[in-house]
């Protein structure tokens, strides 16, 4: 099972990144768990300097932008 985390304040961009991530995972038929992290201290501790950010199994894959569904699918297929 893949664990995704969307790190950010809960703003519209963060929500969109979460939706795109779920859509990509579903399109690829992946078993996944989604977590939204809004605690700023936890975000800073994770090493994220700009939000929204996406981690996959604890590894930061994107910071400061909303990836498209296709970009996330490419990232997960690599």
PDB file of N, CA and C in Angstrom:
ATOM      1  N   UNK A   1       0.850  -1.188   0.000  1.00  0.00           N
ATOM      2  CA  UNK A   1       0.000   0.000   0.000  1.00  0.00           C
ATOM      3  C   UNK A   1       0.886   1.239   0.000  1.00  0.00           C
ATOM      4  N   UNK A   2       0.504   2.199  -0.817  1.00  0.00           N
ATOM      5  CA  UNK A   2       1.246   3.448  -0.914  1.00  0.00           C
ATOM      6  C   UNK A   2       0.615   4.463   0.034  1.00  0.00           C
ATOM      7  N   UNK A   3       1.467   5.211   0.735  1.00  0.00           N
ATOM      8  CA  UNK A   3       0.967   6.249   1.630  1.00  0.00           C
ATOM      9  C   UNK A   3       1.296   7.616   1.052  1.00  0.00           C
ATOM     10  N   UNK A   4       0.237   8.382   0.786  1.00  0.00           N
ATOM     11  CA  UNK A   4       0.393   9.751   0.302  1.00  0.00           C
ATOM     12  C   UNK A   4       0.136  10.711   1.447  1.00  0.00           C
ATOM     13  N   UNK A   5       0.895  11.810   1.456  1.00  0.00           N
ATOM     14  CA  UNK A   5       0.614  12.905   2.370  1.00  0.00           C
ATOM     15  C   UNK A   5       0.566  14.184   1.550  1.00  0.00           C
ATOM     16  N   UNK A   6      -0.486  14.966   1.751  1.00  0.00           N
ATOM     17  CA  UNK A   6      -0.560  16.303   1.187  1.00  0.00           C
ATOM     18  C   UNK A   6      -0.321  17.248   2.351  1.00  0.00           C
ATOM     19  N   UNK A   7       0.753  18.020   2.244  1.00  0.00           N
ATOM     20  CA  UNK A   7       1.126  18.927   3.325  1.00  0.00           C
ATOM     21  C   UNK A   7       0.802  20.347   2.922  1.00  0.00           C
ATOM     22  N   UNK A   8       0.047  21.033   3.772  1.00  0.00           N
ATOM     23  CA  UNK A   8      -0.319  22.418   3.511  1.00  0.00           C
ATOM     24  C   UNK A   8      -1.371  22.884   4.486  1.00  0.00           C
ATOM     25  N   UNK A   9      -1.778  24.128   4.316  1.00  0.00           N
ATOM     26  CA  UNK A   9      -2.693  24.761   5.270  1.00  0.00           C
ATOM     27  C   UNK A   9      -4.137  24.306   5.124  1.00  0.00           C
ATOM     28  N   UNK A  10      -4.432  23.563   4.063  1.00  0.00           N
ATOM     29  CA  UNK A  10      -5.815  23.186   3.803  1.00  0.00           C
ATOM     30  C   UNK A  10      -6.468  24.124   2.807  1.00  0.00           C
ATOM     31  N   UNK A  11      -5.656  24.905   2.103  1.00  0.00           N
ATOM     32  CA  UNK A  11      -6.157  25.864   1.125  1.00  0.00           C
ATOM     33  C   UNK A  11      -6.674  25.146  -0.127  1.00  0.00           C
ATOM     34  N   UNK A  12      -7.207  25.905  -1.058  1.00  0.00           N
ATOM     35  CA  UNK A  12      -7.763  25.337  -2.287  1.00  0.00           C
ATOM     36  C   UNK A  12      -6.712  24.564  -3.071  1.00  0.00           C
ATOM     37  N   UNK A  13      -5.477  25.079  -3.124  1.00  0.00           N
ATOM     38  CA  UNK A  13      -4.420  24.385  -3.861  1.00  0.00           C
ATOM     39  C   UNK A  13      -4.099  23.034  -3.214  1.00  0.00           C
ATOM     40  N   UNK A  14      -4.105  22.996  -1.890  1.00  0.00           N
ATOM     41  CA  UNK A  14      -3.838  21.751  -1.168  1.00  0.00           C
ATOM     42  C   UNK A  14      -4.934  20.725  -1.462  1.00  0.00           C
ATOM     43  N   UNK A  15      -6.169  21.181  -1.445  1.00  0.00           N
ATOM     44  CA  UNK A  15      -7.296  20.281  -1.716  1.00  0.00           C
ATOM     45  C   UNK A  15      -7.235  19.757  -3.148  1.00  0.00           C
ATOM     46  N   UNK A  16      -6.881  20.620  -4.084  1.00  0.00           N
ATOM     47  CA  UNK A  16      -6.775  20.212  -5.483  1.00  0.00           C
ATOM     48  C   UNK A  16      -5.671  19.178  -5.662  1.00  0.00           C
ATOM     49  N   UNK A  17      -4.526  19.396  -5.007  1.00  0.00           N
ATOM     50  CA  UNK A  17      -3.427  18.425  -5.087  1.00  0.00           C
ATOM     51  C   UNK A  17      -3.875  17.076  -4.540  1.00  0.00           C
ATOM     52  N   UNK A  18      -4.629  17.075  -3.447  1.00  0.00           N
ATOM     53  CA  UNK A  18      -5.142  15.833  -2.882  1.00  0.00           C
ATOM     54  C   UNK A  18      -6.089  15.130  -3.839  1.00  0.00           C
ATOM     55  N   UNK A  19      -6.960  15.890  -4.485  1.00  0.00           N
ATOM     56  CA  UNK A  19      -7.906  15.311  -5.446  1.00  0.00           C
ATOM     57  C   UNK A  19      -7.165  14.726  -6.643  1.00  0.00           C
ATOM     58  N   UNK A  20      -6.177  15.453  -7.140  1.00  0.00           N
ATOM     59  CA  UNK A  20      -5.394  14.966  -8.280  1.00  0.00           C
ATOM     60  C   UNK A  20      -4.627  13.698  -7.917  1.00  0.00           C
ATOM     61  N   UNK A  21      -4.092  13.650  -6.703  1.00  0.00           N
ATOM     62  CA  UNK A  21      -3.343  12.476  -6.256  1.00  0.00           C
ATOM     63  C   UNK A  21      -4.254  11.257  -6.179  1.00  0.00           C
ATOM     64  N   UNK A  22      -5.433  11.440  -5.598  1.00  0.00           N
ATOM     65  CA  UNK A  22      -6.382  10.325  -5.509  1.00  0.00           C
ATOM     66  C   UNK A  22      -6.828   9.861  -6.891  1.00  0.00           C
ATOM     67  N   UNK A  23      -7.070  10.794  -7.794  1.00  0.00           N
ATOM     68  CA  UNK A  23      -7.494  10.442  -9.150  1.00  0.00           C
ATOM     69  C   UNK A  23      -6.397   9.651  -9.865  1.00  0.00           C
ATOM     70  N   UNK A  24      -5.147  10.062  -9.702  1.00  0.00           N
ATOM     71  CA  UNK A  24      -4.026   9.365 -10.342  1.00  0.00           C
ATOM     72  C   UNK A  24      -3.874   7.955  -9.781  1.00  0.00           C
ATOM     73  N   UNK A  25      -3.953   7.832  -8.460  1.00  0.00           N
ATOM     74  CA  UNK A  25      -3.810   6.520  -7.816  1.00  0.00           C
ATOM     75  C   UNK A  25      -4.933   5.584  -8.254  1.00  0.00           C
ATOM     76  N   UNK A  26      -6.148   6.106  -8.329  1.00  0.00           N
ATOM     77  CA  UNK A  26      -7.283   5.286  -8.759  1.00  0.00           C
ATOM     78  C   UNK A  26      -7.148   4.886 -10.220  1.00  0.00           C
ATOM     79  N   UNK A  27      -6.680   5.795 -11.059  1.00  0.00           N
ATOM     80  CA  UNK A  27      -6.505   5.498 -12.479  1.00  0.00           C
ATOM     81  C   UNK A  27      -5.473   4.393 -12.693  1.00  0.00           C
ATOM     82  N   UNK A  28      -4.467   4.347 -11.811  1.00  0.00           N
ATOM     83  CA  UNK A  28      -3.425   3.330 -11.906  1.00  0.00           C
ATOM     84  C   UNK A  28      -3.795   2.054 -11.153  1.00  0.00           C
ATOM     85  N   UNK A  29      -4.938   2.073 -10.463  1.00  0.00           N
ATOM     86  CA  UNK A  29      -5.389   0.901  -9.722  1.00  0.00           C
ATOM     87  C   UNK A  29      -4.549   0.593  -8.498  1.00  0.00           C
ATOM     88  N   UNK A  30      -4.024   1.626  -7.856  1.00  0.00           N
ATOM     89  CA  UNK A  30      -3.148   1.439  -6.696  1.00  0.00           C
ATOM     90  C   UNK A  30      -3.937   1.384  -5.390  1.00  0.00           C
ATOM     91  N   UNK A  31      -3.461   0.566  -4.460  1.00  0.00           N
ATOM     92  CA  UNK A  31      -3.986   0.583  -3.090  1.00  0.00           C
ATOM     93  C   UNK A  31      -3.231   1.699  -2.378  1.00  0.00           C
ATOM     94  N   UNK A  32      -3.961   2.622  -1.782  1.00  0.00           N
ATOM     95  CA  UNK A  32      -3.288   3.766  -1.173  1.00  0.00           C
ATOM     96  C   UNK A  32      -4.016   4.242   0.074  1.00  0.00           C
ATOM     97  N   UNK A  33      -3.269   5.023   0.837  1.00  0.00           N
ATOM     98  CA  UNK A  33      -3.795   5.707   2.023  1.00  0.00           C
ATOM     99  C   UNK A  33      -3.452   7.177   1.848  1.00  0.00           C
ATOM    100  N   UNK A  34      -4.415   8.056   2.098  1.00  0.00           N
ATOM    101  CA  UNK A  34      -4.204   9.490   1.940  1.00  0.00           C
ATOM    102  C   UNK A  34      -4.270  10.170   3.301  1.00  0.00           C
ATOM    103  N   UNK A  35      -3.296  11.011   3.567  1.00  0.00           N
ATOM    104  CA  UNK A  35      -3.280  11.790   4.807  1.00  0.00           C
ATOM    105  C   UNK A  35      -3.071  13.250   4.456  1.00  0.00           C
ATOM    106  N   UNK A  36      -3.835  14.113   5.099  1.00  0.00           N
ATOM    107  CA  UNK A  36      -3.656  15.545   4.912  1.00  0.00           C
ATOM    108  C   UNK A  36      -3.005  16.096   6.176  1.00  0.00           C
ATOM    109  N   UNK A  37      -1.867  16.747   6.004  1.00  0.00           N
ATOM    110  CA  UNK A  37      -1.110  17.295   7.128  1.00  0.00           C
ATOM    111  C   UNK A  37      -1.228  18.811   7.077  1.00  0.00           C
ATOM    112  N   UNK A  38      -1.865  19.385   8.108  1.00  0.00           N
ATOM    113  CA  UNK A  38      -2.061  20.834   8.144  1.00  0.00           C
ATOM    114  C   UNK A  38      -1.284  21.506   9.276  1.00  0.00           C
ATOM    115  N   UNK A  39      -0.674  20.718  10.154  1.00  0.00           N
ATOM    116  CA  UNK A  39       0.091  21.277  11.270  1.00  0.00           C
ATOM    117  C   UNK A  39       1.408  21.852  10.749  1.00  0.00           C
ATOM    118  N   UNK A  40       1.580  23.153  10.884  1.00  0.00           N
ATOM    119  CA  UNK A  40       2.758  23.811  10.314  1.00  0.00           C
ATOM    120  C   UNK A  40       4.064  23.281  10.905  1.00  0.00           C
ATOM    121  N   UNK A  41       4.068  22.936  12.180  1.00  0.00           N
ATOM    122  CA  UNK A  41       5.291  22.391  12.769  1.00  0.00           C
ATOM    123  C   UNK A  41       5.653  21.050  12.137  1.00  0.00           C
ATOM    124  N   UNK A  42       4.651  20.210  11.887  1.00  0.00           N
ATOM    125  CA  UNK A  42       4.895  18.917  11.246  1.00  0.00           C
ATOM    126  C   UNK A  42       5.377  19.118   9.814  1.00  0.00           C
ATOM    127  N   UNK A  43       4.835  20.115   9.132  1.00  0.00           N
ATOM    128  CA  UNK A  43       5.243  20.409   7.757  1.00  0.00           C
ATOM    129  C   UNK A  43       6.704  20.854   7.725  1.00  0.00           C
ATOM    130  N   UNK A  44       7.062  21.734   8.629  1.00  0.00           N
ATOM    131  CA  UNK A  44       8.453  22.213   8.714  1.00  0.00           C
ATOM    132  C   UNK A  44       9.383  21.063   9.087  1.00  0.00           C
ATOM    133  N   UNK A  45       8.969  20.238  10.049  1.00  0.00           N
ATOM    134  CA  UNK A  45       9.781  19.083  10.465  1.00  0.00           C
ATOM    135  C   UNK A  45      10.015  18.108   9.316  1.00  0.00           C
ATOM    136  N   UNK A  46       9.067  18.044   8.374  1.00  0.00           N
ATOM    137  CA  UNK A  46       9.205  17.147   7.216  1.00  0.00           C
ATOM    138  C   UNK A  46      10.184  17.708   6.189  1.00  0.00           C
ATOM    139  N   UNK A  47      10.609  18.953   6.377  1.00  0.00           N
ATOM    140  CA  UNK A  47      11.556  19.567   5.459  1.00  0.00           C
ATOM    141  C   UNK A  47      10.903  20.314   4.316  1.00  0.00           C
ATOM    142  N   UNK A  48       9.607  20.570   4.438  1.00  0.00           N
ATOM    143  CA  UNK A  48       8.873  21.267   3.384  1.00  0.00           C
ATOM    144  C   UNK A  48       8.995  22.771   3.599  1.00  0.00           C
ATOM    145  N   UNK A  49       9.442  23.466   2.550  1.00  0.00           N
ATOM    146  CA  UNK A  49       9.625  24.913   2.650  1.00  0.00           C
ATOM    147  C   UNK A  49       8.518  25.697   1.949  1.00  0.00           C
ATOM    148  N   UNK A  50       7.806  25.064   1.022  1.00  0.00           N
ATOM    149  CA  UNK A  50       6.678  25.731   0.373  1.00  0.00           C
ATOM    150  C   UNK A  50       5.575  24.714   0.123  1.00  0.00           C
ATOM    151  N   UNK A  51       4.348  25.171   0.287  1.00  0.00           N
ATOM    152  CA  UNK A  51       3.202  24.278   0.153  1.00  0.00           C
ATOM    153  C   UNK A  51       2.379  24.687  -1.062  1.00  0.00           C
ATOM    154  N   UNK A  52       1.559  23.815  -1.598  1.00  0.00           N
ATOM    155  CA  UNK A  52       1.336  22.450  -1.113  1.00  0.00           C
ATOM    156  C   UNK A  52       2.493  21.536  -1.474  1.00  0.00           C
ATOM    157  N   UNK A  53       2.636  20.478  -0.686  1.00  0.00           N
ATOM    158  CA  UNK A  53       3.677  19.488  -0.948  1.00  0.00           C
ATOM    159  C   UNK A  53       3.041  18.106  -0.959  1.00  0.00           C
ATOM    160  N   UNK A  54       3.673  17.204  -1.702  1.00  0.00           N
ATOM    161  CA  UNK A  54       3.202  15.828  -1.789  1.00  0.00           C
ATOM    162  C   UNK A  54       4.340  14.895  -1.418  1.00  0.00           C
ATOM    163  N   UNK A  55       4.065  13.981  -0.479  1.00  0.00           N
ATOM    164  CA  UNK A  55       5.032  12.931  -0.185  1.00  0.00           C
ATOM    165  C   UNK A  55       4.427  11.589  -0.569  1.00  0.00           C
ATOM    166  N   UNK A  56       5.298  10.694  -1.002  1.00  0.00           N
ATOM    167  CA  UNK A  56       4.911   9.333  -1.339  1.00  0.00           C
ATOM    168  C   UNK A  56       5.773   8.419  -0.480  1.00  0.00           C
ATOM    169  N   UNK A  57       5.132   7.677   0.412  1.00  0.00           N
ATOM    170  CA  UNK A  57       5.842   6.804   1.357  1.00  0.00           C
ATOM    171  C   UNK A  57       6.934   7.564   2.105  1.00  0.00           C
ATOM    172  N   UNK A  58       6.621   8.793   2.517  1.00  0.00           N
ATOM    173  CA  UNK A  58       7.529   9.586   3.336  1.00  0.00           C
ATOM    174  C   UNK A  58       8.572  10.371   2.570  1.00  0.00           C
ATOM    175  N   UNK A  59       8.637  10.216   1.259  1.00  0.00           N
ATOM    176  CA  UNK A  59       9.626  10.926   0.443  1.00  0.00           C
ATOM    177  C   UNK A  59       8.955  12.097  -0.268  1.00  0.00           C
ATOM    178  N   UNK A  60       9.504  13.299  -0.111  1.00  0.00           N
ATOM    179  CA  UNK A  60       8.931  14.488  -0.740  1.00  0.00           C
ATOM    180  C   UNK A  60       9.101  14.376  -2.254  1.00  0.00           C
ATOM    181  N   UNK A  61       7.985  14.469  -2.966  1.00  0.00           N
ATOM    182  CA  UNK A  61       8.003  14.370  -4.431  1.00  0.00           C
ATOM    183  C   UNK A  61       7.716  15.702  -5.107  1.00  0.00           C
ATOM    184  N   UNK A  62       7.066  16.607  -4.397  1.00  0.00           N
ATOM    185  CA  UNK A  62       6.705  17.893  -4.988  1.00  0.00           C
ATOM    186  C   UNK A  62       6.519  18.927  -3.886  1.00  0.00           C
ATOM    187  N   UNK A  63       6.955  20.156  -4.180  1.00  0.00           N
ATOM    188  CA  UNK A  63       6.763  21.264  -3.237  1.00  0.00           C
ATOM    189  C   UNK A  63       6.381  22.516  -4.012  1.00  0.00           C
ATOM    190  N   UNK A  64       5.422  23.244  -3.473  1.00  0.00           N
ATOM    191  CA  UNK A  64       5.114  24.566  -3.984  1.00  0.00           C
ATOM    192  C   UNK A  64       4.297  24.639  -5.261  1.00  0.00           C
ATOM    193  N   UNK A  65       3.751  23.503  -5.710  1.00  0.00           N
ATOM    194  CA  UNK A  65       2.903  23.568  -6.904  1.00  0.00           C
ATOM    195  C   UNK A  65       1.862  22.462  -6.871  1.00  0.00           C
ATOM    196  N   UNK A  66       0.825  22.654  -7.667  1.00  0.00           N
ATOM    197  CA  UNK A  66      -0.230  21.661  -7.797  1.00  0.00           C
ATOM    198  C   UNK A  66       0.077  20.836  -9.046  1.00  0.00           C
ATOM    199  N   UNK A  67       0.432  19.588  -8.831  1.00  0.00           N
ATOM    200  CA  UNK A  67       0.705  18.701  -9.952  1.00  0.00           C
ATOM    201  C   UNK A  67      -0.601  18.285 -10.613  1.00  0.00           C
ATOM    202  N   UNK A  68      -0.555  18.078 -11.928  1.00  0.00           N
ATOM    203  CA  UNK A  68      -1.734  17.581 -12.635  1.00  0.00           C
ATOM    204  C   UNK A  68      -1.863  16.080 -12.383  1.00  0.00           C
ATOM    205  N   UNK A  69      -3.014  15.531 -12.718  1.00  0.00           N
ATOM    206  CA  UNK A  69      -3.226  14.087 -12.569  1.00  0.00           C
ATOM    207  C   UNK A  69      -2.179  13.335 -13.395  1.00  0.00           C
ATOM    208  N   UNK A  70      -1.935  13.787 -14.621  1.00  0.00           N
ATOM    209  CA  UNK A  70      -0.958  13.113 -15.488  1.00  0.00           C
ATOM    210  C   UNK A  70       0.458  13.200 -14.914  1.00  0.00           C
ATOM    211  N   UNK A  71       0.825  14.346 -14.334  1.00  0.00           N
ATOM    212  CA  UNK A  71       2.156  14.474 -13.727  1.00  0.00           C
ATOM    213  C   UNK A  71       2.310  13.494 -12.565  1.00  0.00           C
ATOM    214  N   UNK A  72       1.267  13.329 -11.778  1.00  0.00           N
ATOM    215  CA  UNK A  72       1.322  12.415 -10.637  1.00  0.00           C
ATOM    216  C   UNK A  72       1.386  10.969 -11.131  1.00  0.00           C
ATOM    217  N   UNK A  73       0.620  10.648 -12.163  1.00  0.00           N
ATOM    218  CA  UNK A  73       0.666   9.293 -12.724  1.00  0.00           C
ATOM    219  C   UNK A  73       2.087   8.984 -13.219  1.00  0.00           C
ATOM    220  N   UNK A  74       2.723   9.932 -13.878  1.00  0.00           N
ATOM    221  CA  UNK A  74       4.101   9.749 -14.364  1.00  0.00           C
ATOM    222  C   UNK A  74       5.050   9.551 -13.190  1.00  0.00           C
ATOM    223  N   UNK A  75       4.884  10.350 -12.154  1.00  0.00           N
ATOM    224  CA  UNK A  75       5.722  10.258 -10.958  1.00  0.00           C
ATOM    225  C   UNK A  75       5.569   8.888 -10.298  1.00  0.00           C
ATOM    226  N   UNK A  76       4.348   8.356 -10.252  1.00  0.00           N
ATOM    227  CA  UNK A  76       4.102   7.080  -9.599  1.00  0.00           C
ATOM    228  C   UNK A  76       4.538   5.894 -10.460  1.00  0.00           C
ATOM    229  N   UNK A  77       4.610   6.095 -11.764  1.00  0.00           N
ATOM    230  CA  UNK A  77       4.986   5.023 -12.674  1.00  0.00           C
ATOM    231  C   UNK A  77       6.495   4.891 -12.826  1.00  0.00           C
ATOM    232  N   UNK A  78       7.216   5.902 -12.392  1.00  0.00           N
ATOM    233  CA  UNK A  78       8.676   5.904 -12.566  1.00  0.00           C
ATOM    234  C   UNK A  78       9.365   4.914 -11.653  1.00  0.00           C
TER     235      UNK A  78
END
